[in-house]
Amino acid sequence: MSYLLIKAFHVIAVLSWMAGLLYLPRLFVYHAEVKAGSEASELFKIMERRLLNAIMTPAAIVVWVLGITLAALSGAYEETWFQIKGVLVVAMTALHFYMIHHKNQFAMDQNIHSSKFFRILNEGPTVLMIAIVLLVILKPV
C-alpha cells in the first residue's frame, strides 16, 4: 500500500511540474511581447516567479525524491528503459533550470529573445514528456 501511495504522489507531482513546464514558456511568449518595465511586464514577473517558486520547483523536488524512492523500492534502476527515462528526466530538470535563467533575465528587464524563441522552447517539455510516458508505459528495452 505504501508503494502505491508513493507512486500516486509521484504522479501528482509530475502532473504539477509538467503543468508549470508547459505554462511558463507560454508566459515568456506573452512577456516578450510587452515593453520592459510596463505594467504588464511587472505582472508577468510576478506570475513567473510565483509559478516557479510555489508550484514548479517544489513539484520537481517531490518528483525527484519520490522517483528515487520508487526506483530503490522496485529495483527499476537496473532496467534499461528506466535508465533512459532517467536521462530524459535530467534533461527535463535542465530545462527547468534554463527557464529559471530566463525568468531571472525578465526580472532584470534583460530579456534578449523573441516570443518565437519561447514558442520553440515550449516544445521541449512536450517532447520529453511524450518520450518519458512511452518509456514508462511500454518499457520497450
N, C-alpha and C. Protein backbone atom coordinates (compact mmCIF):
# COMPACT_ATOMS: atom_id res chain seq x y z
N MET A 1 0.83 -1.20 0.00
CA MET A 1 0.00 0.00 0.00
C MET A 1 0.87 1.26 0.00
N SER A 2 1.94 1.29 0.80
CA SER A 2 2.78 2.49 0.85
C SER A 2 3.45 2.74 -0.50
N TYR A 3 3.84 1.67 -1.22
CA TYR A 3 4.44 1.82 -2.54
C TYR A 3 3.46 2.52 -3.48
N LEU A 4 2.20 2.08 -3.44
CA LEU A 4 1.19 2.69 -4.31
C LEU A 4 0.92 4.15 -3.94
N LEU A 5 0.96 4.47 -2.65
CA LEU A 5 0.79 5.86 -2.23
C LEU A 5 1.95 6.72 -2.71
N ILE A 6 3.15 6.20 -2.58
CA ILE A 6 4.32 6.93 -3.07
C ILE A 6 4.19 7.15 -4.57
N LYS A 7 3.78 6.11 -5.29
CA LYS A 7 3.61 6.21 -6.74
C LYS A 7 2.53 7.25 -7.10
N ALA A 8 1.43 7.24 -6.36
CA ALA A 8 0.36 8.20 -6.62
C ALA A 8 0.84 9.63 -6.42
N PHE A 9 1.56 9.88 -5.33
CA PHE A 9 2.07 11.23 -5.08
C PHE A 9 3.15 11.62 -6.08
N HIS A 10 3.91 10.63 -6.55
CA HIS A 10 4.89 10.89 -7.60
C HIS A 10 4.18 11.37 -8.87
N VAL A 11 3.12 10.69 -9.26
CA VAL A 11 2.37 11.07 -10.46
C VAL A 11 1.73 12.45 -10.28
N ILE A 12 1.19 12.73 -9.11
CA ILE A 12 0.61 14.06 -8.84
C ILE A 12 1.68 15.14 -8.97
N ALA A 13 2.86 14.88 -8.44
CA ALA A 13 3.96 15.85 -8.54
C ALA A 13 4.39 16.03 -9.99
N VAL A 14 4.46 14.93 -10.74
CA VAL A 14 4.82 15.02 -12.16
C VAL A 14 3.82 15.90 -12.90
N LEU A 15 2.53 15.67 -12.65
CA LEU A 15 1.50 16.49 -13.31
C LEU A 15 1.65 17.97 -12.96
N SER A 16 1.93 18.27 -11.72
CA SER A 16 2.10 19.66 -11.30
C SER A 16 3.32 20.28 -11.95
N TRP A 17 4.42 19.55 -11.95
CA TRP A 17 5.65 20.05 -12.56
C TRP A 17 5.46 20.27 -14.05
N MET A 18 4.83 19.31 -14.72
CA MET A 18 4.60 19.42 -16.17
C MET A 18 3.69 20.61 -16.49
N ALA A 19 2.68 20.81 -15.68
CA ALA A 19 1.80 21.97 -15.91
C ALA A 19 2.62 23.25 -15.93
N GLY A 20 3.52 23.38 -14.98
CA GLY A 20 4.38 24.57 -14.94
C GLY A 20 5.34 24.63 -16.11
N LEU A 21 5.95 23.50 -16.45
CA LEU A 21 6.91 23.47 -17.56
C LEU A 21 6.24 23.80 -18.90
N LEU A 22 4.96 23.52 -19.00
CA LEU A 22 4.24 23.85 -20.23
C LEU A 22 3.70 25.28 -20.20
N TYR A 23 3.39 25.79 -19.01
CA TYR A 23 2.79 27.13 -18.90
C TYR A 23 3.83 28.24 -18.86
N LEU A 24 4.95 28.01 -18.17
CA LEU A 24 5.94 29.08 -18.02
C LEU A 24 6.46 29.62 -19.35
N PRO A 25 6.83 28.76 -20.30
CA PRO A 25 7.28 29.31 -21.59
C PRO A 25 6.18 30.10 -22.30
N ARG A 26 4.93 29.72 -22.08
CA ARG A 26 3.82 30.47 -22.67
C ARG A 26 3.77 31.86 -22.04
N LEU A 27 4.00 31.96 -20.73
CA LEU A 27 4.08 33.28 -20.09
C LEU A 27 5.23 34.08 -20.69
N PHE A 28 6.36 33.41 -20.95
CA PHE A 28 7.50 34.09 -21.57
C PHE A 28 7.15 34.62 -22.95
N VAL A 29 6.35 33.86 -23.71
CA VAL A 29 5.92 34.32 -25.04
C VAL A 29 5.22 35.66 -24.90
N TYR A 30 4.26 35.72 -23.99
CA TYR A 30 3.49 36.97 -23.82
C TYR A 30 4.36 38.07 -23.21
N HIS A 31 5.25 37.69 -22.29
CA HIS A 31 6.11 38.66 -21.63
C HIS A 31 7.06 39.31 -22.66
N ALA A 32 7.55 38.51 -23.59
CA ALA A 32 8.48 39.02 -24.60
C ALA A 32 7.80 40.02 -25.54
N GLU A 33 6.48 40.01 -25.57
CA GLU A 33 5.73 40.88 -26.48
C GLU A 33 5.33 42.21 -25.85
N VAL A 34 5.66 42.41 -24.56
CA VAL A 34 5.31 43.68 -23.92
C VAL A 34 6.59 44.45 -23.60
N LYS A 35 6.43 45.74 -23.42
CA LYS A 35 7.58 46.61 -23.15
C LYS A 35 8.12 46.37 -21.75
N ALA A 36 9.44 46.27 -21.65
CA ALA A 36 10.10 46.11 -20.35
C ALA A 36 9.72 47.28 -19.45
N GLY A 37 9.42 46.96 -18.20
CA GLY A 37 9.05 48.00 -17.23
C GLY A 37 7.59 48.40 -17.26
N SER A 38 6.85 47.91 -18.25
CA SER A 38 5.43 48.26 -18.32
C SER A 38 4.66 47.54 -17.21
N GLU A 39 3.42 47.98 -17.02
CA GLU A 39 2.57 47.36 -16.01
C GLU A 39 2.37 45.87 -16.32
N ALA A 40 2.18 45.55 -17.59
CA ALA A 40 2.01 44.15 -17.99
C ALA A 40 3.28 43.35 -17.70
N SER A 41 4.43 43.93 -17.98
CA SER A 41 5.70 43.25 -17.73
C SER A 41 5.85 42.95 -16.24
N GLU A 42 5.50 43.90 -15.41
CA GLU A 42 5.61 43.69 -13.96
C GLU A 42 4.67 42.59 -13.49
N LEU A 43 3.47 42.52 -14.07
CA LEU A 43 2.54 41.46 -13.73
C LEU A 43 3.08 40.09 -14.15
N PHE A 44 3.67 40.01 -15.36
CA PHE A 44 4.27 38.74 -15.80
C PHE A 44 5.41 38.32 -14.88
N LYS A 45 6.19 39.26 -14.41
CA LYS A 45 7.28 38.93 -13.48
C LYS A 45 6.74 38.24 -12.23
N ILE A 46 5.66 38.77 -11.70
CA ILE A 46 5.04 38.18 -10.50
C ILE A 46 4.52 36.78 -10.81
N MET A 47 3.82 36.64 -11.92
CA MET A 47 3.26 35.35 -12.30
C MET A 47 4.36 34.30 -12.50
N GLU A 48 5.42 34.69 -13.17
CA GLU A 48 6.53 33.76 -13.44
C GLU A 48 7.21 33.33 -12.14
N ARG A 49 7.47 34.30 -11.28
CA ARG A 49 8.13 34.00 -10.00
C ARG A 49 7.27 33.07 -9.14
N ARG A 50 5.99 33.37 -9.05
CA ARG A 50 5.10 32.55 -8.22
C ARG A 50 4.95 31.14 -8.78
N LEU A 51 4.84 31.03 -10.10
CA LEU A 51 4.72 29.71 -10.73
C LEU A 51 5.95 28.86 -10.42
N LEU A 52 7.12 29.44 -10.57
CA LEU A 52 8.36 28.71 -10.29
C LEU A 52 8.50 28.37 -8.81
N ASN A 53 8.31 29.36 -7.95
CA ASN A 53 8.59 29.16 -6.53
C ASN A 53 7.52 28.38 -5.79
N ALA A 54 6.27 28.54 -6.18
CA ALA A 54 5.18 27.91 -5.43
C ALA A 54 4.74 26.57 -6.01
N ILE A 55 4.98 26.35 -7.29
CA ILE A 55 4.48 25.12 -7.92
C ILE A 55 5.60 24.30 -8.53
N MET A 56 6.32 24.87 -9.48
CA MET A 56 7.27 24.09 -10.28
C MET A 56 8.43 23.51 -9.48
N THR A 57 9.13 24.35 -8.74
CA THR A 57 10.31 23.87 -8.03
C THR A 57 9.94 22.89 -6.91
N PRO A 58 8.93 23.18 -6.08
CA PRO A 58 8.54 22.16 -5.09
C PRO A 58 8.09 20.85 -5.75
N ALA A 59 7.35 20.94 -6.83
CA ALA A 59 6.90 19.72 -7.52
C ALA A 59 8.09 18.95 -8.08
N ALA A 60 9.07 19.64 -8.64
CA ALA A 60 10.25 18.97 -9.19
C ALA A 60 11.02 18.25 -8.08
N ILE A 61 11.13 18.86 -6.93
CA ILE A 61 11.81 18.22 -5.80
C ILE A 61 11.07 16.96 -5.38
N VAL A 62 9.76 17.04 -5.28
CA VAL A 62 8.96 15.87 -4.92
C VAL A 62 9.09 14.77 -5.98
N VAL A 63 9.08 15.16 -7.26
CA VAL A 63 9.26 14.18 -8.34
C VAL A 63 10.56 13.42 -8.14
N TRP A 64 11.64 14.15 -7.90
CA TRP A 64 12.95 13.52 -7.74
C TRP A 64 12.99 12.62 -6.51
N VAL A 65 12.54 13.12 -5.38
CA VAL A 65 12.61 12.35 -4.13
C VAL A 65 11.77 11.08 -4.24
N LEU A 66 10.54 11.21 -4.70
CA LEU A 66 9.67 10.04 -4.79
C LEU A 66 10.09 9.12 -5.92
N GLY A 67 10.60 9.68 -7.02
CA GLY A 67 11.08 8.84 -8.12
C GLY A 67 12.25 7.98 -7.71
N ILE A 68 13.19 8.57 -6.99
CA ILE A 68 14.35 7.81 -6.49
C ILE A 68 13.89 6.75 -5.49
N THR A 69 12.93 7.12 -4.65
CA THR A 69 12.39 6.17 -3.68
C THR A 69 11.73 4.99 -4.39
N LEU A 70 10.93 5.27 -5.39
CA LEU A 70 10.26 4.20 -6.15
C LEU A 70 11.28 3.31 -6.86
N ALA A 71 12.30 3.92 -7.43
CA ALA A 71 13.33 3.13 -8.13
C ALA A 71 14.06 2.22 -7.15
N ALA A 72 14.34 2.73 -5.97
CA ALA A 72 15.03 1.92 -4.96
C ALA A 72 14.14 0.77 -4.47
N LEU A 73 12.86 1.07 -4.25
CA LEU A 73 11.94 0.04 -3.76
C LEU A 73 11.65 -1.04 -4.80
N SER A 74 11.62 -0.65 -6.06
CA SER A 74 11.23 -1.60 -7.12
C SER A 74 12.41 -2.24 -7.84
N GLY A 75 13.59 -1.65 -7.70
CA GLY A 75 14.74 -2.14 -8.44
C GLY A 75 14.74 -1.71 -9.90
N ALA A 76 13.88 -0.76 -10.25
CA ALA A 76 13.75 -0.30 -11.65
C ALA A 76 15.05 0.30 -12.18
N TYR A 77 15.89 0.83 -11.30
CA TYR A 77 17.14 1.46 -11.74
C TYR A 77 18.04 0.49 -12.53
N GLU A 78 17.79 -0.79 -12.41
CA GLU A 78 18.57 -1.79 -13.16
C GLU A 78 18.07 -1.98 -14.59
N GLU A 79 16.90 -1.50 -14.88
CA GLU A 79 16.26 -1.70 -16.19
C GLU A 79 16.71 -0.62 -17.18
N THR A 80 16.94 -1.02 -18.42
CA THR A 80 17.40 -0.09 -19.46
C THR A 80 16.39 1.03 -19.70
N TRP A 81 15.10 0.69 -19.77
CA TRP A 81 14.08 1.71 -20.02
C TRP A 81 14.13 2.79 -18.94
N PHE A 82 14.38 2.36 -17.70
CA PHE A 82 14.42 3.31 -16.59
C PHE A 82 15.66 4.20 -16.67
N GLN A 83 16.76 3.63 -17.09
CA GLN A 83 17.98 4.42 -17.24
C GLN A 83 17.82 5.49 -18.32
N ILE A 84 17.17 5.11 -19.42
CA ILE A 84 16.88 6.10 -20.48
C ILE A 84 15.93 7.17 -19.94
N LYS A 85 14.92 6.72 -19.21
CA LYS A 85 13.98 7.67 -18.60
C LYS A 85 14.73 8.63 -17.68
N GLY A 86 15.69 8.11 -16.93
CA GLY A 86 16.48 8.95 -16.03
C GLY A 86 17.22 10.05 -16.77
N VAL A 87 17.79 9.71 -17.91
CA VAL A 87 18.48 10.71 -18.73
C VAL A 87 17.49 11.78 -19.19
N LEU A 88 16.29 11.35 -19.58
CA LEU A 88 15.28 12.31 -20.04
C LEU A 88 14.78 13.19 -18.90
N VAL A 89 14.68 12.64 -17.70
CA VAL A 89 14.27 13.44 -16.53
C VAL A 89 15.37 14.45 -16.18
N VAL A 90 16.61 14.05 -16.33
CA VAL A 90 17.72 15.01 -16.13
C VAL A 90 17.61 16.14 -17.16
N ALA A 91 17.28 15.79 -18.41
CA ALA A 91 17.10 16.82 -19.45
C ALA A 91 15.93 17.74 -19.09
N MET A 92 14.86 17.17 -18.56
CA MET A 92 13.70 17.97 -18.14
C MET A 92 14.12 18.92 -17.01
N THR A 93 14.93 18.42 -16.11
CA THR A 93 15.41 19.25 -15.00
C THR A 93 16.31 20.37 -15.52
N ALA A 94 17.13 20.06 -16.51
CA ALA A 94 17.98 21.09 -17.13
C ALA A 94 17.11 22.17 -17.76
N LEU A 95 16.02 21.77 -18.42
CA LEU A 95 15.09 22.75 -18.98
C LEU A 95 14.48 23.62 -17.88
N HIS A 96 14.17 23.01 -16.76
CA HIS A 96 13.63 23.75 -15.62
C HIS A 96 14.61 24.85 -15.20
N PHE A 97 15.89 24.49 -15.07
CA PHE A 97 16.90 25.48 -14.69
C PHE A 97 17.10 26.53 -15.78
N TYR A 98 16.99 26.11 -17.03
CA TYR A 98 17.09 27.06 -18.15
C TYR A 98 15.95 28.07 -18.09
N MET A 99 14.76 27.61 -17.71
CA MET A 99 13.62 28.51 -17.57
C MET A 99 13.81 29.46 -16.39
N ILE A 100 14.44 28.99 -15.33
CA ILE A 100 14.77 29.87 -14.20
C ILE A 100 15.69 30.99 -14.70
N HIS A 101 16.66 30.64 -15.53
CA HIS A 101 17.56 31.64 -16.11
C HIS A 101 16.76 32.71 -16.86
N HIS A 102 15.82 32.27 -17.69
CA HIS A 102 15.02 33.23 -18.46
C HIS A 102 14.11 34.05 -17.56
N LYS A 103 13.57 33.44 -16.52
CA LYS A 103 12.75 34.19 -15.57
C LYS A 103 13.59 35.29 -14.93
N ASN A 104 14.84 34.96 -14.59
CA ASN A 104 15.73 35.96 -13.99
C ASN A 104 16.07 37.07 -14.98
N GLN A 105 16.25 36.73 -16.25
CA GLN A 105 16.51 37.74 -17.28
C GLN A 105 15.33 38.70 -17.39
N PHE A 106 14.12 38.16 -17.43
CA PHE A 106 12.93 39.01 -17.48
C PHE A 106 12.84 39.87 -16.22
N ALA A 107 13.15 39.28 -15.06
CA ALA A 107 13.06 40.01 -13.78
C ALA A 107 13.96 41.24 -13.78
N MET A 108 15.08 41.14 -14.50
CA MET A 108 16.03 42.26 -14.56
C MET A 108 15.82 43.11 -15.82
N ASP A 109 14.71 42.87 -16.54
CA ASP A 109 14.42 43.57 -17.80
C ASP A 109 15.56 43.42 -18.79
N GLN A 110 16.13 42.21 -18.86
CA GLN A 110 17.26 41.96 -19.75
C GLN A 110 16.99 40.83 -20.75
N ASN A 111 15.73 40.55 -21.01
CA ASN A 111 15.42 39.51 -22.00
C ASN A 111 15.88 39.95 -23.38
N ILE A 112 16.54 39.04 -24.11
CA ILE A 112 17.00 39.35 -25.46
C ILE A 112 16.32 38.49 -26.52
N HIS A 113 15.41 37.62 -26.09
CA HIS A 113 14.79 36.67 -27.02
C HIS A 113 13.39 37.11 -27.44
N SER A 114 13.01 36.65 -28.62
CA SER A 114 11.69 36.97 -29.17
C SER A 114 10.64 35.99 -28.64
N SER A 115 9.40 36.33 -28.86
CA SER A 115 8.32 35.43 -28.48
C SER A 115 8.42 34.12 -29.27
N LYS A 116 8.93 34.17 -30.49
CA LYS A 116 9.10 32.96 -31.30
C LYS A 116 10.08 32.00 -30.62
N PHE A 117 11.16 32.52 -30.06
CA PHE A 117 12.13 31.69 -29.33
C PHE A 117 11.42 30.93 -28.22
N PHE A 118 10.56 31.60 -27.46
CA PHE A 118 9.88 30.95 -26.35
C PHE A 118 8.80 29.99 -26.83
N ARG A 119 8.22 30.24 -27.99
CA ARG A 119 7.28 29.27 -28.57
C ARG A 119 8.01 27.96 -28.88
N ILE A 120 9.21 28.07 -29.39
CA ILE A 120 10.02 26.88 -29.70
C ILE A 120 10.45 26.20 -28.40
N LEU A 121 10.89 26.99 -27.41
CA LEU A 121 11.28 26.45 -26.11
C LEU A 121 10.14 25.64 -25.50
N ASN A 122 8.92 26.07 -25.73
CA ASN A 122 7.74 25.42 -25.18
C ASN A 122 7.59 23.98 -25.67
N GLU A 123 8.22 23.64 -26.79
CA GLU A 123 8.09 22.29 -27.34
C GLU A 123 8.98 21.28 -26.61
N GLY A 124 10.06 21.74 -25.99
CA GLY A 124 10.99 20.84 -25.31
C GLY A 124 10.34 19.96 -24.25
N PRO A 125 9.64 20.55 -23.28
CA PRO A 125 9.00 19.72 -22.27
C PRO A 125 7.97 18.75 -22.85
N THR A 126 7.29 19.17 -23.91
CA THR A 126 6.28 18.30 -24.52
C THR A 126 6.93 17.06 -25.12
N VAL A 127 8.01 17.24 -25.86
CA VAL A 127 8.70 16.11 -26.48
C VAL A 127 9.27 15.18 -25.41
N LEU A 128 9.89 15.75 -24.39
CA LEU A 128 10.43 14.93 -23.31
C LEU A 128 9.33 14.18 -22.58
N MET A 129 8.22 14.83 -22.31
CA MET A 129 7.11 14.19 -21.62
C MET A 129 6.58 13.00 -22.40
N ILE A 130 6.41 13.16 -23.71
CA ILE A 130 5.92 12.07 -24.55
C ILE A 130 6.87 10.88 -24.48
N ALA A 131 8.16 11.14 -24.62
CA ALA A 131 9.16 10.07 -24.58
C ALA A 131 9.15 9.36 -23.22
N ILE A 132 9.07 10.12 -22.14
CA ILE A 132 9.08 9.54 -20.79
C ILE A 132 7.84 8.67 -20.58
N VAL A 133 6.69 9.18 -20.95
CA VAL A 133 5.46 8.41 -20.75
C VAL A 133 5.50 7.11 -21.57
N LEU A 134 5.97 7.19 -22.80
CA LEU A 134 6.07 5.98 -23.62
C LEU A 134 7.02 4.95 -22.99
N LEU A 135 8.15 5.42 -22.47
CA LEU A 135 9.08 4.51 -21.80
C LEU A 135 8.45 3.85 -20.57
N VAL A 136 7.75 4.64 -19.76
CA VAL A 136 7.16 4.12 -18.53
C VAL A 136 6.06 3.11 -18.83
N ILE A 137 5.24 3.41 -19.81
CA ILE A 137 4.10 2.54 -20.11
C ILE A 137 4.52 1.30 -20.90
N LEU A 138 5.36 1.49 -21.93
CA LEU A 138 5.71 0.38 -22.81
C LEU A 138 6.92 -0.43 -22.34
N LYS A 139 7.81 0.21 -21.59
CA LYS A 139 9.05 -0.45 -21.13
C LYS A 139 9.68 -1.24 -22.27
N PRO A 140 10.02 -0.57 -23.38
CA PRO A 140 10.43 -1.28 -24.59
C PRO A 140 11.81 -1.93 -24.53
N VAL A 141 12.68 -1.48 -23.66
CA VAL A 141 14.04 -2.06 -23.59
C VAL A 141 14.39 -2.44 -22.16
